[in-house]
Amino acid sequence: MTTEVTRLTVEELAALMKKAAGVTVDPQDLQARADAPFAEFGLDSLGLLGIVGELENRHGRALPTDAERCKSPRAFLDLVNGTLTTGA
């Protein structure tokens, strides 16, 4: 049996920001400003913690503690997708 590796997309991150933190962000804006701090999108550390919790529940495993301290969407996506693809 093969296991499908799921990568978190910008669109999914935008949806998680809305679901877990109540922050509405256009995925295209998130993509265009992927290196901007989360604070510029209205997401604080508690909102990011909510996103991490949602992803941990969805994938059934813990993410690195660094995920909660990522400063930008690109850093967060890189860390999460690296974790998901390596199974760490």
Protein backbone atom coordinates (compact mmCIF):
# COMPACT_ATOMS: atom_id res chain seq x y z
CA MET A 1 0.00 0.00 0.00
CA THR A 2 1.34 3.42 -0.90
CA THR A 3 0.93 6.44 1.30
CA GLU A 4 0.01 9.66 -0.44
CA VAL A 5 2.09 12.60 0.69
CA THR A 6 -0.05 15.67 1.25
CA ARG A 7 1.48 19.11 0.89
CA LEU A 8 -0.09 22.15 2.48
CA THR A 9 -0.92 24.69 -0.22
CA VAL A 10 -1.28 28.45 0.03
CA GLU A 11 -5.02 28.03 -0.52
CA GLU A 12 -5.27 25.56 2.36
CA LEU A 13 -3.23 27.85 4.61
CA ALA A 14 -5.59 30.73 3.80
CA ALA A 15 -8.57 28.49 4.66
CA LEU A 16 -6.92 27.44 7.93
CA MET A 17 -6.25 31.07 8.81
CA LYS A 18 -9.99 31.71 8.42
CA LYS A 19 -11.08 28.56 10.28
CA ALA A 20 -8.59 28.58 13.17
CA ALA A 21 -8.06 32.31 13.63
CA GLY A 22 -10.94 34.10 11.93
CA VAL A 23 -8.54 35.91 9.60
CA THR A 24 -9.68 36.22 5.98
CA VAL A 25 -6.83 36.41 3.49
CA ASP A 26 -6.93 36.13 -0.29
CA PRO A 27 -4.73 33.16 -1.25
CA GLN A 28 -3.26 35.17 -4.14
CA ASP A 29 -2.22 37.93 -1.72
CA LEU A 30 -0.77 35.32 0.62
CA GLN A 31 1.23 33.87 -2.28
CA ALA A 32 2.38 37.27 -3.53
CA ARG A 33 3.54 38.34 -0.07
CA ALA A 34 4.72 34.96 1.20
CA ASP A 35 7.73 36.48 2.97
CA ALA A 36 5.70 39.15 4.78
CA PRO A 37 5.22 38.64 8.52
CA PHE A 38 2.01 36.91 9.55
CA ALA A 39 1.18 40.04 11.54
CA GLU A 40 0.70 41.95 8.27
CA PHE A 41 -2.16 39.55 7.47
CA GLY A 42 -3.68 40.00 10.93
CA LEU A 43 -2.53 36.63 12.28
CA ASP A 44 -1.01 36.58 15.77
CA SER A 45 0.84 33.80 17.60
CA LEU A 46 -2.36 32.36 19.08
CA GLY A 47 -3.90 32.14 15.62
CA LEU A 48 -0.81 30.35 14.34
CA LEU A 49 -1.01 27.98 17.29
CA GLY A 50 -4.59 27.19 16.29
CA ILE A 51 -3.47 26.40 12.75
CA VAL A 52 -0.72 24.12 14.05
CA GLY A 53 -3.25 22.30 16.26
CA GLU A 54 -5.63 21.84 13.33
CA LEU A 55 -2.85 20.40 11.16
CA GLU A 56 -1.69 18.08 13.92
CA ASN A 57 -5.23 16.75 14.31
CA ARG A 58 -5.64 16.37 10.56
CA HIS A 59 -2.39 14.46 10.07
CA GLY A 60 -2.33 12.58 13.36
CA ARG A 61 1.15 13.67 14.36
CA ALA A 62 2.93 16.53 16.02
CA LEU A 63 4.59 19.26 14.01
CA PRO A 64 7.96 20.63 15.10
CA THR A 65 7.69 23.25 17.82
CA ASP A 66 9.34 25.66 15.38
CA ALA A 67 6.05 25.74 13.43
CA GLU A 68 4.48 27.89 16.14
CA ARG A 69 7.27 30.43 15.81
CA CYS A 70 7.36 30.81 12.02
CA LYS A 71 7.25 34.46 11.07
CA SER A 72 5.97 34.23 7.48
CA PRO A 73 3.70 32.08 5.34
CA ARG A 74 6.67 30.84 3.29
CA ALA A 75 8.61 29.77 6.37
CA PHE A 76 5.53 28.01 7.74
CA LEU A 77 4.74 26.21 4.48
CA ASP A 78 8.37 25.15 4.04
CA LEU A 79 8.56 23.73 7.57
CA VAL A 80 5.19 21.98 7.47
CA ASN A 81 5.68 20.54 4.00
CA GLY A 82 9.19 19.40 4.85
CA THR A 83 7.80 17.59 7.87
CA LEU A 84 4.92 16.02 5.95
CA THR A 85 7.10 14.79 3.09
CA THR A 86 9.82 13.34 5.31
CA GLY A 87 7.42 11.88 7.83
CA ALA A 88 9.36 13.49 10.66
